N, C-alpha and C. Protein backbone atom coordinates (compact mmCIF):
# COMPACT_ATOMS: atom_id res chain seq x y z
N LYS A 1 69.75 117.03 113.88
CA LYS A 1 68.40 117.47 114.25
C LYS A 1 68.04 118.80 113.59
N LEU A 2 68.94 119.69 113.46
CA LEU A 2 68.73 120.99 112.81
C LEU A 2 68.50 120.75 111.33
N LYS A 3 69.22 119.72 110.82
CA LYS A 3 69.10 119.39 109.39
C LYS A 3 67.69 118.88 109.12
N ASP A 4 67.20 118.09 109.98
CA ASP A 4 65.84 117.58 109.81
C ASP A 4 64.79 118.76 109.84
N GLN A 5 65.10 119.66 110.75
CA GLN A 5 64.20 120.80 110.91
C GLN A 5 64.17 121.61 109.60
N PHE A 6 65.36 121.83 109.01
CA PHE A 6 65.42 122.60 107.76
C PHE A 6 64.75 121.83 106.62
N ALA A 7 64.93 120.52 106.66
CA ALA A 7 64.30 119.70 105.61
C ALA A 7 62.78 119.79 105.69
N LYS A 8 62.31 119.76 106.93
CA LYS A 8 60.84 119.83 107.14
C LYS A 8 60.30 121.23 106.69
N GLN A 9 61.08 122.25 107.04
CA GLN A 9 60.66 123.63 106.65
C GLN A 9 60.64 123.74 105.11
N LYS A 10 61.70 123.15 104.51
CA LYS A 10 61.77 123.20 103.03
C LYS A 10 60.58 122.44 102.41
N TYR A 11 60.28 121.34 103.01
CA TYR A 11 59.13 120.54 102.48
C TYR A 11 57.84 121.33 102.60
N ASP A 12 57.69 121.98 103.79
CA ASP A 12 56.49 122.74 104.01
C ASP A 12 56.44 123.92 103.05
N MET A 13 57.57 124.56 102.83
CA MET A 13 57.60 125.71 101.92
C MET A 13 57.29 125.29 100.49
N ASP A 14 57.89 124.10 100.12
CA ASP A 14 57.61 123.60 98.77
C ASP A 14 56.14 123.25 98.59
N ALA A 15 55.58 122.70 99.65
CA ALA A 15 54.16 122.38 99.63
C ALA A 15 53.28 123.63 99.50
N GLU A 16 53.69 124.63 100.27
CA GLU A 16 52.93 125.90 100.20
C GLU A 16 53.07 126.54 98.83
N GLU A 17 54.30 126.48 98.27
CA GLU A 17 54.56 127.08 96.97
C GLU A 17 53.78 126.32 95.90
N LEU A 18 53.77 124.98 96.03
CA LEU A 18 53.02 124.22 95.07
C LEU A 18 51.52 124.51 95.20
N LYS A 19 51.07 124.65 96.41
CA LYS A 19 49.68 124.99 96.61
C LYS A 19 49.33 126.36 96.05
N ALA A 20 50.25 127.30 96.30
CA ALA A 20 50.04 128.64 95.76
C ALA A 20 50.08 128.64 94.26
N GLN A 21 50.99 127.76 93.68
CA GLN A 21 51.08 127.68 92.25
C GLN A 21 49.80 127.13 91.63
N HIS A 22 49.24 126.08 92.27
CA HIS A 22 47.98 125.53 91.83
C HIS A 22 46.83 126.57 91.91
N ALA A 23 46.83 127.31 93.06
CA ALA A 23 45.81 128.32 93.24
C ALA A 23 45.91 129.39 92.17
N PHE A 24 47.19 129.80 91.84
CA PHE A 24 47.41 130.80 90.81
C PHE A 24 46.93 130.30 89.44
N GLU A 25 47.30 129.07 89.17
CA GLU A 25 46.90 128.47 87.90
C GLU A 25 45.36 128.37 87.76
N ASP A 26 44.75 127.97 88.89
CA ASP A 26 43.28 127.91 88.88
C ASP A 26 42.68 129.30 88.61
N LEU A 27 43.28 130.28 89.32
CA LEU A 27 42.76 131.66 89.20
C LEU A 27 43.00 132.18 87.77
N ALA A 28 44.20 131.85 87.20
CA ALA A 28 44.52 132.29 85.87
C ALA A 28 43.57 131.62 84.83
N GLN A 29 43.29 130.34 85.08
CA GLN A 29 42.34 129.64 84.18
C GLN A 29 40.96 130.24 84.26
N GLN A 30 40.54 130.54 85.50
CA GLN A 30 39.21 131.15 85.69
C GLN A 30 39.15 132.50 85.04
N MET A 31 40.21 133.28 85.16
CA MET A 31 40.24 134.59 84.55
C MET A 31 40.25 134.45 83.04
N ALA A 32 40.97 133.45 82.53
CA ALA A 32 41.02 133.25 81.07
C ALA A 32 39.63 132.86 80.59
N ASP A 33 38.99 131.95 81.36
CA ASP A 33 37.62 131.53 80.98
C ASP A 33 36.67 132.73 81.00
N ASN A 34 36.83 133.60 82.02
CA ASN A 34 35.98 134.79 82.13
C ASN A 34 36.19 135.70 80.94
N ILE A 35 37.50 135.87 80.60
CA ILE A 35 37.84 136.72 79.49
C ILE A 35 37.20 136.17 78.19
N GLU A 36 37.33 134.84 78.01
CA GLU A 36 36.80 134.19 76.82
C GLU A 36 35.28 134.32 76.78
N ASN A 37 34.66 134.13 77.93
CA ASN A 37 33.18 134.26 78.00
C ASN A 37 32.76 135.70 77.70
N ALA A 38 33.56 136.65 78.24
CA ALA A 38 33.27 138.06 78.00
C ALA A 38 33.35 138.38 76.51
N LYS A 39 34.46 137.85 75.88
CA LYS A 39 34.62 138.10 74.46
C LYS A 39 33.44 137.47 73.67
N HIS A 40 33.05 136.28 74.07
CA HIS A 40 31.94 135.62 73.40
C HIS A 40 30.65 136.44 73.56
N GLU A 41 30.42 136.92 74.77
CA GLU A 41 29.21 137.74 74.99
C GLU A 41 29.25 139.05 74.20
N ILE A 42 30.47 139.66 74.14
CA ILE A 42 30.62 140.88 73.38
C ILE A 42 30.33 140.61 71.88
N GLN A 43 30.89 139.50 71.38
CA GLN A 43 30.72 139.13 69.99
C GLN A 43 29.21 138.85 69.70
N LYS A 44 28.62 138.16 70.65
CA LYS A 44 27.22 137.77 70.48
C LYS A 44 26.36 139.04 70.47
N LYS A 45 26.62 139.93 71.44
CA LYS A 45 25.81 141.16 71.51
C LYS A 45 26.08 142.07 70.32
N THR A 46 27.34 142.06 69.83
CA THR A 46 27.68 142.86 68.63
C THR A 46 26.91 142.34 67.43
N GLU A 47 26.90 140.99 67.30
CA GLU A 47 26.14 140.41 66.18
C GLU A 47 24.66 140.66 66.32
N THR A 48 24.15 140.51 67.54
CA THR A 48 22.71 140.74 67.80
C THR A 48 22.36 142.19 67.49
N ARG A 49 23.26 143.12 67.92
CA ARG A 49 23.00 144.54 67.65
C ARG A 49 23.02 144.82 66.16
N ALA A 50 23.98 144.21 65.44
CA ALA A 50 24.04 144.43 64.02
C ALA A 50 22.79 143.90 63.33
N GLN A 51 22.35 142.72 63.79
CA GLN A 51 21.14 142.10 63.23
C GLN A 51 19.97 142.98 63.55
N THR A 52 19.88 143.49 64.75
CA THR A 52 18.80 144.38 65.17
C THR A 52 18.78 145.64 64.32
N GLU A 53 19.98 146.21 64.08
CA GLU A 53 20.09 147.44 63.29
C GLU A 53 19.65 147.14 61.85
N GLU A 54 20.04 145.95 61.37
CA GLU A 54 19.66 145.57 60.03
C GLU A 54 18.14 145.39 59.90
N GLU A 55 17.57 144.71 60.90
CA GLU A 55 16.11 144.51 60.92
C GLU A 55 15.41 145.87 61.03
N LYS A 56 15.99 146.75 61.88
CA LYS A 56 15.36 148.06 62.05
C LYS A 56 15.37 148.84 60.77
N ALA A 57 16.53 148.77 60.08
CA ALA A 57 16.65 149.47 58.76
C ALA A 57 15.66 148.86 57.77
N GLY A 58 15.54 147.51 57.81
CA GLY A 58 14.57 146.88 56.92
C GLY A 58 13.15 147.28 57.23
N LEU A 59 12.79 147.36 58.50
CA LEU A 59 11.46 147.73 58.90
C LEU A 59 11.22 149.19 58.53
N GLU A 60 12.22 150.02 58.69
CA GLU A 60 12.04 151.46 58.31
C GLU A 60 11.87 151.56 56.84
N GLY A 61 12.63 150.73 56.08
CA GLY A 61 12.44 150.72 54.65
C GLY A 61 11.08 150.27 54.23
N GLU A 62 10.61 149.21 54.88
CA GLU A 62 9.26 148.69 54.60
C GLU A 62 8.19 149.74 54.97
N LYS A 63 8.46 150.40 56.10
CA LYS A 63 7.52 151.44 56.54
C LYS A 63 7.44 152.56 55.51
N ALA A 64 8.64 152.99 55.07
CA ALA A 64 8.68 154.06 54.07
C ALA A 64 7.98 153.62 52.77
N GLN A 65 8.21 152.34 52.34
CA GLN A 65 7.59 151.85 51.12
C GLN A 65 6.07 151.77 51.31
N THR A 66 5.68 151.30 52.49
CA THR A 66 4.23 151.20 52.80
C THR A 66 3.58 152.57 52.76
N GLU A 67 4.24 153.55 53.36
CA GLU A 67 3.67 154.92 53.34
C GLU A 67 3.63 155.48 51.94
N SER A 68 4.69 155.17 51.14
CA SER A 68 4.69 155.64 49.76
C SER A 68 3.56 154.96 48.97
N ASP A 69 3.41 153.65 49.18
CA ASP A 69 2.31 152.92 48.45
C ASP A 69 0.94 153.45 48.89
N ARG A 70 0.82 153.75 50.18
CA ARG A 70 -0.46 154.24 50.66
C ARG A 70 -0.75 155.62 50.09
N ALA A 71 0.32 156.43 49.99
CA ALA A 71 0.15 157.77 49.39
C ALA A 71 -0.27 157.65 47.91
N GLU A 72 0.35 156.69 47.17
CA GLU A 72 0.01 156.52 45.82
C GLU A 72 -1.43 156.03 45.65
N ASP A 73 -1.79 155.04 46.53
CA ASP A 73 -3.17 154.54 46.53
C ASP A 73 -4.21 155.63 46.81
N GLN A 74 -3.87 156.48 47.81
CA GLN A 74 -4.76 157.61 48.16
C GLN A 74 -4.90 158.60 47.02
N LYS A 75 -3.72 158.81 46.35
CA LYS A 75 -3.74 159.76 45.23
C LYS A 75 -4.62 159.21 44.10
N TYR A 76 -4.47 157.87 43.83
CA TYR A 76 -5.28 157.25 42.78
C TYR A 76 -6.74 157.26 43.13
N LEU A 77 -7.06 157.03 44.42
CA LEU A 77 -8.42 157.05 44.92
C LEU A 77 -9.03 158.45 44.72
N ASP A 78 -8.23 159.47 45.15
CA ASP A 78 -8.74 160.85 45.04
C ASP A 78 -8.97 161.24 43.56
N GLU A 79 -8.02 160.82 42.70
CA GLU A 79 -8.15 161.15 41.28
C GLU A 79 -9.36 160.42 40.68
N THR A 80 -9.55 159.15 41.09
CA THR A 80 -10.68 158.37 40.57
C THR A 80 -12.00 158.98 41.02
N LYS A 81 -12.06 159.36 42.32
CA LYS A 81 -13.25 159.99 42.84
C LYS A 81 -13.54 161.33 42.11
N ALA A 82 -12.48 162.09 41.87
CA ALA A 82 -12.62 163.38 41.18
C ALA A 82 -13.11 163.13 39.74
N LEU A 83 -12.53 162.09 39.12
CA LEU A 83 -12.93 161.76 37.75
C LEU A 83 -14.42 161.34 37.70
N CYS A 84 -14.81 160.51 38.66
CA CYS A 84 -16.21 160.05 38.72
C CYS A 84 -17.16 161.22 38.95
N GLU A 85 -16.76 162.13 39.84
CA GLU A 85 -17.57 163.33 40.12
C GLU A 85 -17.69 164.19 38.88
N GLN A 86 -16.52 164.33 38.17
CA GLN A 86 -16.50 165.15 36.97
C GLN A 86 -17.40 164.53 35.87
N LYS A 87 -17.31 163.20 35.76
CA LYS A 87 -18.13 162.50 34.75
C LYS A 87 -19.61 162.65 35.09
N SER A 88 -19.90 162.54 36.40
CA SER A 88 -21.30 162.71 36.83
C SER A 88 -21.81 164.09 36.51
N GLU A 89 -20.96 165.07 36.78
CA GLU A 89 -21.34 166.47 36.53
C GLU A 89 -21.52 166.69 35.00
N ASP A 90 -20.59 166.09 34.22
CA ASP A 90 -20.68 166.28 32.78
C ASP A 90 -21.96 165.58 32.23
N PHE A 91 -22.23 164.39 32.81
CA PHE A 91 -23.43 163.66 32.37
C PHE A 91 -24.70 164.46 32.70
N ALA A 92 -24.73 165.03 33.91
CA ALA A 92 -25.90 165.83 34.33
C ALA A 92 -26.04 167.07 33.45
N ALA A 93 -24.90 167.66 33.10
CA ALA A 93 -24.93 168.88 32.27
C ALA A 93 -25.39 168.52 30.87
N ARG A 94 -24.96 167.38 30.34
CA ARG A 94 -25.39 166.98 29.00
C ARG A 94 -26.89 166.62 28.97
N GLN A 95 -27.37 165.95 30.02
CA GLN A 95 -28.77 165.61 30.11
C GLN A 95 -29.62 166.90 30.21
N LYS A 96 -29.13 167.87 31.00
CA LYS A 96 -29.82 169.12 31.13
C LYS A 96 -29.88 169.83 29.77
N LEU A 97 -28.74 169.83 29.07
CA LEU A 97 -28.72 170.50 27.78
C LEU A 97 -29.64 169.81 26.80
N ARG A 98 -29.66 168.43 26.82
CA ARG A 98 -30.56 167.72 25.92
C ARG A 98 -32.00 168.15 26.19
N ALA A 99 -32.38 168.19 27.47
CA ALA A 99 -33.75 168.56 27.82
C ALA A 99 -34.04 170.00 27.35
N GLU A 100 -33.04 170.92 27.53
CA GLU A 100 -33.27 172.30 27.12
C GLU A 100 -33.38 172.39 25.60
N GLU A 101 -32.55 171.59 24.88
CA GLU A 101 -32.61 171.61 23.44
C GLU A 101 -34.00 171.08 22.96
N LEU A 102 -34.42 170.00 23.53
CA LEU A 102 -35.72 169.48 23.16
C LEU A 102 -36.83 170.48 23.47
N GLU A 103 -36.72 171.13 24.62
CA GLU A 103 -37.76 172.12 24.98
C GLU A 103 -37.70 173.30 23.99
N ALA A 104 -36.52 173.71 23.58
CA ALA A 104 -36.39 174.82 22.64
C ALA A 104 -36.97 174.44 21.28
N ILE A 105 -36.70 173.20 20.84
CA ILE A 105 -37.25 172.75 19.59
C ILE A 105 -38.76 172.66 19.65
N GLN A 106 -39.25 172.20 20.81
CA GLN A 106 -40.73 172.15 21.01
C GLN A 106 -41.32 173.56 20.87
N LYS A 107 -40.62 174.51 21.50
CA LYS A 107 -41.09 175.91 21.43
C LYS A 107 -41.05 176.45 19.99
N ALA A 108 -39.98 176.06 19.27
CA ALA A 108 -39.90 176.48 17.88
C ALA A 108 -41.02 175.91 17.04
N ILE A 109 -41.39 174.67 17.31
CA ILE A 109 -42.56 174.07 16.63
C ILE A 109 -43.82 174.79 17.01
N ASP A 110 -43.96 175.15 18.29
CA ASP A 110 -45.14 175.90 18.74
C ASP A 110 -45.22 177.25 17.99
N ILE A 111 -44.07 177.86 17.79
CA ILE A 111 -44.05 179.16 17.07
C ILE A 111 -44.54 178.94 15.64
N MET A 112 -44.03 177.92 14.98
CA MET A 112 -44.46 177.66 13.61
C MET A 112 -45.85 177.06 13.53
N SER A 113 -46.43 176.64 14.69
CA SER A 113 -47.75 176.06 14.69
C SER A 113 -48.76 177.00 15.35
N SER A 114 -48.43 178.29 15.44
CA SER A 114 -49.30 179.24 16.13
C SER A 114 -50.60 179.40 15.39
N ASP A 115 -51.59 180.01 16.10
CA ASP A 115 -52.95 180.19 15.52
C ASP A 115 -52.93 181.03 14.27
N ASP A 116 -51.91 181.99 14.23
CA ASP A 116 -51.90 182.86 13.04
C ASP A 116 -51.62 182.09 11.77
N VAL A 117 -51.03 180.87 11.88
CA VAL A 117 -50.72 180.11 10.73
C VAL A 117 -51.57 178.91 10.54
N THR A 118 -51.83 178.17 11.61
CA THR A 118 -52.47 176.88 11.48
C THR A 118 -53.92 176.81 11.97
N GLY A 119 -54.40 177.78 12.71
CA GLY A 119 -55.72 177.66 13.28
C GLY A 119 -55.65 177.13 14.70
N SER A 120 -56.69 177.42 15.49
CA SER A 120 -56.70 177.13 16.90
C SER A 120 -56.57 175.64 17.21
N GLY A 121 -56.93 174.77 16.29
CA GLY A 121 -56.89 173.33 16.56
C GLY A 121 -55.48 172.77 16.66
N GLU A 122 -54.43 173.50 16.19
CA GLU A 122 -53.07 172.96 16.14
C GLU A 122 -52.09 173.86 16.89
N LYS A 123 -52.58 174.63 17.86
CA LYS A 123 -51.67 175.59 18.53
C LYS A 123 -50.64 174.91 19.37
N HIS A 124 -51.03 173.94 20.15
CA HIS A 124 -50.09 173.32 21.09
C HIS A 124 -49.83 171.87 20.70
N LEU A 125 -48.54 171.52 20.75
CA LEU A 125 -48.13 170.13 20.44
C LEU A 125 -48.10 169.31 21.71
N PRO A 126 -48.34 167.97 21.58
CA PRO A 126 -48.15 167.10 22.76
C PRO A 126 -46.72 167.13 23.23
N SER A 127 -46.53 166.82 24.45
CA SER A 127 -45.15 166.80 25.04
C SER A 127 -44.28 165.80 24.34
N LEU A 128 -43.09 166.23 23.89
CA LEU A 128 -42.18 165.35 23.21
C LEU A 128 -41.59 164.27 24.10
N ILE A 129 -41.31 164.68 25.31
CA ILE A 129 -40.68 163.73 26.26
C ILE A 129 -41.70 162.67 26.67
N ALA A 130 -42.90 163.08 26.98
CA ALA A 130 -43.94 162.16 27.43
C ALA A 130 -44.40 161.21 26.32
N ARG A 131 -44.35 161.74 25.08
CA ARG A 131 -44.85 160.94 23.93
C ARG A 131 -43.72 160.34 23.09
N GLY A 132 -42.52 160.35 23.62
CA GLY A 132 -41.41 159.79 22.84
C GLY A 132 -40.96 160.71 21.73
N SER A 133 -40.79 160.21 20.57
CA SER A 133 -40.29 161.01 19.43
C SER A 133 -41.39 161.40 18.46
N SER A 134 -42.64 161.30 18.85
CA SER A 134 -43.73 161.65 17.95
C SER A 134 -43.74 163.15 17.69
N LEU A 135 -44.06 163.53 16.45
CA LEU A 135 -44.06 164.94 16.07
C LEU A 135 -45.42 165.21 15.41
N VAL A 136 -46.03 166.28 15.88
CA VAL A 136 -47.37 166.69 15.35
C VAL A 136 -47.13 167.39 14.01
N SER A 137 -47.99 167.18 13.10
CA SER A 137 -47.87 167.84 11.78
C SER A 137 -47.96 169.35 11.96
N VAL A 138 -47.20 170.07 11.10
CA VAL A 138 -47.09 171.49 11.27
C VAL A 138 -47.85 172.20 10.14
N LEU A 139 -48.45 173.19 10.44
CA LEU A 139 -49.23 174.15 9.68
C LEU A 139 -49.54 173.89 8.19
N ARG A 140 -50.59 174.63 7.83
CA ARG A 140 -51.09 174.56 6.47
C ARG A 140 -51.38 175.93 5.87
N GLY A 141 -50.74 176.95 6.37
CA GLY A 141 -51.00 178.32 5.95
C GLY A 141 -50.32 178.65 4.65
N GLY A 142 -50.33 179.95 4.28
CA GLY A 142 -49.74 180.42 3.04
C GLY A 142 -48.24 180.47 3.17
N ALA A 143 -47.59 180.64 1.96
CA ALA A 143 -46.15 180.66 1.91
C ALA A 143 -45.53 181.82 2.72
N GLY A 144 -46.18 182.98 2.69
CA GLY A 144 -45.64 184.14 3.44
C GLY A 144 -45.72 183.91 4.94
N GLN A 145 -46.83 183.41 5.38
CA GLN A 145 -47.00 183.08 6.82
C GLN A 145 -45.99 182.04 7.25
N HIS A 146 -45.78 181.03 6.39
CA HIS A 146 -44.79 180.01 6.68
C HIS A 146 -43.40 180.63 6.86
N ALA A 147 -43.03 181.47 5.95
CA ALA A 147 -41.70 182.10 6.01
C ALA A 147 -41.57 182.96 7.27
N LEU A 148 -42.62 183.69 7.64
CA LEU A 148 -42.56 184.50 8.83
C LEU A 148 -42.40 183.66 10.10
N SER A 149 -43.15 182.59 10.20
CA SER A 149 -43.07 181.71 11.34
C SER A 149 -41.73 181.02 11.40
N GLN A 150 -41.17 180.72 10.23
CA GLN A 150 -39.81 180.10 10.22
C GLN A 150 -38.77 181.05 10.77
N GLN A 151 -38.86 182.33 10.36
CA GLN A 151 -37.88 183.29 10.80
C GLN A 151 -37.97 183.54 12.29
N LYS A 152 -39.21 183.57 12.82
CA LYS A 152 -39.36 183.71 14.28
C LYS A 152 -38.80 182.50 15.01
N ALA A 153 -39.10 181.32 14.48
CA ALA A 153 -38.57 180.10 15.14
C ALA A 153 -37.04 180.05 15.07
N ALA A 154 -36.48 180.48 13.89
CA ALA A 154 -35.04 180.48 13.71
C ALA A 154 -34.37 181.45 14.69
N ALA A 155 -34.98 182.64 14.87
CA ALA A 155 -34.45 183.66 15.77
C ALA A 155 -34.48 183.11 17.20
N PHE A 156 -35.57 182.45 17.55
CA PHE A 156 -35.71 181.89 18.90
C PHE A 156 -34.63 180.82 19.15
N LEU A 157 -34.44 179.92 18.16
CA LEU A 157 -33.44 178.87 18.30
C LEU A 157 -32.03 179.43 18.40
N ALA A 158 -31.76 180.47 17.61
CA ALA A 158 -30.43 181.11 17.59
C ALA A 158 -30.14 181.74 18.98
N GLU A 159 -31.20 182.35 19.55
CA GLU A 159 -31.02 182.99 20.89
C GLU A 159 -30.69 181.93 21.94
N LYS A 160 -31.44 180.81 21.90
CA LYS A 160 -31.18 179.72 22.89
C LYS A 160 -29.83 179.05 22.62
N ALA A 161 -29.48 178.93 21.35
CA ALA A 161 -28.16 178.32 21.03
C ALA A 161 -27.03 179.13 21.59
N LYS A 162 -27.13 180.45 21.52
CA LYS A 162 -26.09 181.32 22.08
C LYS A 162 -26.13 181.28 23.61
N LEU A 163 -27.33 181.22 24.19
CA LEU A 163 -27.44 181.21 25.64
C LEU A 163 -26.84 179.94 26.22
N TRP A 164 -27.07 178.81 25.60
CA TRP A 164 -26.67 177.50 26.14
C TRP A 164 -25.44 176.93 25.44
N ASN A 165 -24.88 177.73 24.47
CA ASN A 165 -23.72 177.27 23.72
C ASN A 165 -23.99 175.90 23.09
N SER A 166 -25.11 175.84 22.43
CA SER A 166 -25.59 174.55 21.85
C SER A 166 -25.31 174.48 20.36
N ARG A 167 -24.46 173.56 19.97
CA ARG A 167 -24.19 173.34 18.55
C ARG A 167 -25.44 172.83 17.82
N VAL A 168 -26.21 172.00 18.52
CA VAL A 168 -27.43 171.41 17.90
C VAL A 168 -28.42 172.54 17.55
N LEU A 169 -28.64 173.42 18.50
CA LEU A 169 -29.61 174.51 18.24
C LEU A 169 -29.07 175.50 17.25
N THR A 170 -27.80 175.73 17.21
CA THR A 170 -27.21 176.64 16.17
C THR A 170 -27.48 176.06 14.78
N LEU A 171 -27.24 174.80 14.61
CA LEU A 171 -27.47 174.11 13.34
C LEU A 171 -28.99 174.10 13.02
N ALA A 172 -29.82 173.93 14.00
CA ALA A 172 -31.27 173.93 13.78
C ALA A 172 -31.74 175.30 13.37
N ALA A 173 -31.23 176.36 14.03
CA ALA A 173 -31.61 177.72 13.67
C ALA A 173 -31.23 178.04 12.24
N GLN A 174 -30.03 177.64 11.85
CA GLN A 174 -29.59 177.90 10.44
C GLN A 174 -30.46 177.16 9.46
N GLN A 175 -30.80 175.91 9.74
CA GLN A 175 -31.61 175.14 8.78
C GLN A 175 -33.06 175.63 8.74
N VAL A 176 -33.58 176.00 9.91
CA VAL A 176 -34.99 176.54 9.93
C VAL A 176 -35.07 177.81 9.11
N ALA A 177 -33.98 178.64 9.21
CA ALA A 177 -33.99 179.90 8.49
C ALA A 177 -33.81 179.73 7.01
N ALA A 178 -33.08 178.69 6.60
CA ALA A 178 -32.68 178.55 5.20
C ALA A 178 -33.49 177.61 4.41
N ASP A 179 -33.99 176.53 4.99
CA ASP A 179 -34.63 175.48 4.24
C ASP A 179 -36.11 175.75 3.97
N PRO A 180 -36.63 175.10 2.92
CA PRO A 180 -38.09 175.18 2.67
C PRO A 180 -38.86 174.61 3.84
N PHE A 181 -40.10 175.01 3.93
CA PHE A 181 -40.92 174.64 5.13
C PHE A 181 -41.04 173.13 5.29
N GLY A 182 -41.21 172.43 4.17
CA GLY A 182 -41.37 170.98 4.24
C GLY A 182 -40.11 170.28 4.75
N LYS A 183 -38.95 170.76 4.31
CA LYS A 183 -37.66 170.19 4.78
C LYS A 183 -37.46 170.48 6.24
N VAL A 184 -37.91 171.67 6.70
CA VAL A 184 -37.77 172.00 8.13
C VAL A 184 -38.51 171.02 9.00
N LYS A 185 -39.69 170.63 8.59
CA LYS A 185 -40.46 169.69 9.39
C LYS A 185 -39.72 168.38 9.53
N LYS A 186 -39.16 167.84 8.44
CA LYS A 186 -38.42 166.61 8.51
C LYS A 186 -37.13 166.75 9.33
N MET A 187 -36.43 167.90 9.13
CA MET A 187 -35.23 168.16 9.89
C MET A 187 -35.49 168.16 11.38
N ILE A 188 -36.55 168.82 11.79
CA ILE A 188 -36.89 168.90 13.23
C ILE A 188 -37.24 167.51 13.77
N LYS A 189 -37.99 166.79 12.98
CA LYS A 189 -38.33 165.40 13.42
C LYS A 189 -37.10 164.55 13.62
N ASP A 190 -36.14 164.60 12.62
CA ASP A 190 -34.91 163.86 12.71
C ASP A 190 -34.08 164.34 13.89
N LEU A 191 -34.07 165.62 14.13
CA LEU A 191 -33.23 166.19 15.21
C LEU A 191 -33.76 165.75 16.57
N ILE A 192 -35.07 165.75 16.70
CA ILE A 192 -35.66 165.29 17.92
C ILE A 192 -35.33 163.82 18.21
N SER A 193 -35.44 163.02 17.14
CA SER A 193 -35.13 161.59 17.26
C SER A 193 -33.66 161.39 17.70
N GLN A 194 -32.78 162.22 17.05
CA GLN A 194 -31.32 162.12 17.39
C GLN A 194 -31.07 162.48 18.83
N LEU A 195 -31.64 163.59 19.29
CA LEU A 195 -31.45 164.05 20.66
C LEU A 195 -31.90 163.03 21.69
N MET A 196 -33.08 162.49 21.45
CA MET A 196 -33.65 161.49 22.40
C MET A 196 -32.80 160.21 22.39
N GLN A 197 -32.28 159.83 21.20
CA GLN A 197 -31.47 158.63 21.12
C GLN A 197 -30.16 158.86 21.87
N GLU A 198 -29.54 160.02 21.70
CA GLU A 198 -28.29 160.33 22.39
C GLU A 198 -28.54 160.32 23.91
N SER A 199 -29.63 160.90 24.36
CA SER A 199 -29.91 160.95 25.76
C SER A 199 -30.10 159.55 26.34
N THR A 200 -30.81 158.72 25.60
CA THR A 200 -31.05 157.34 26.08
C THR A 200 -29.74 156.54 26.12
N GLN A 201 -28.86 156.73 25.11
CA GLN A 201 -27.60 156.02 25.10
C GLN A 201 -26.72 156.45 26.26
N GLU A 202 -26.71 157.73 26.58
CA GLU A 202 -25.89 158.21 27.71
C GLU A 202 -26.39 157.64 29.04
N ILE A 203 -27.70 157.54 29.18
CA ILE A 203 -28.26 156.95 30.41
C ILE A 203 -27.90 155.50 30.51
N GLU A 204 -27.97 154.78 29.39
CA GLU A 204 -27.65 153.34 29.42
C GLU A 204 -26.18 153.07 29.71
N HIS A 205 -25.31 153.97 29.27
CA HIS A 205 -23.84 153.77 29.43
C HIS A 205 -23.29 154.58 30.61
N LYS A 206 -24.13 155.14 31.44
CA LYS A 206 -23.71 155.95 32.56
C LYS A 206 -22.97 155.10 33.56
């Protein structure tokens, strides 16, 4: 009877041990699975973080490139605007100089067409700008009076040439002072035509 009791106790103990063994194995498997899942999550998060860092670096690079491109575009725009403004100012300055040169030449013609030389009927010339390139005929006085009026006109043109830094008026003053009266008339007519042609071309190509 005692033997049976020991046998039963041994059976119960073996059963408990087997049960405990199964429980341990289940727990160990669960822990192994948890560890594997944790490793997988760590790997996944590591890869995600690396990808995020790479994308972040790419976006920062794109941002830097975009800002650089925008700065270049802005610089080009500013330079283009400045160039356009400068060209507009230069154009306006040239047009103003052309008008002043034409006005000075008109005045020089008036000087050579004064009453002392030509008579009261030819004192004032029609406006060159309003009448295009038409030139009124100039004086019929004596040679001495012609020379005097040419010198006055040359001095006037030289003064305006220096004031406005005008190459055209400098050349005109030199030719008025040096050339015969008849050649002066043709030179002035050609000069007026040239100035008005240049002014028209600049306006057309503005």
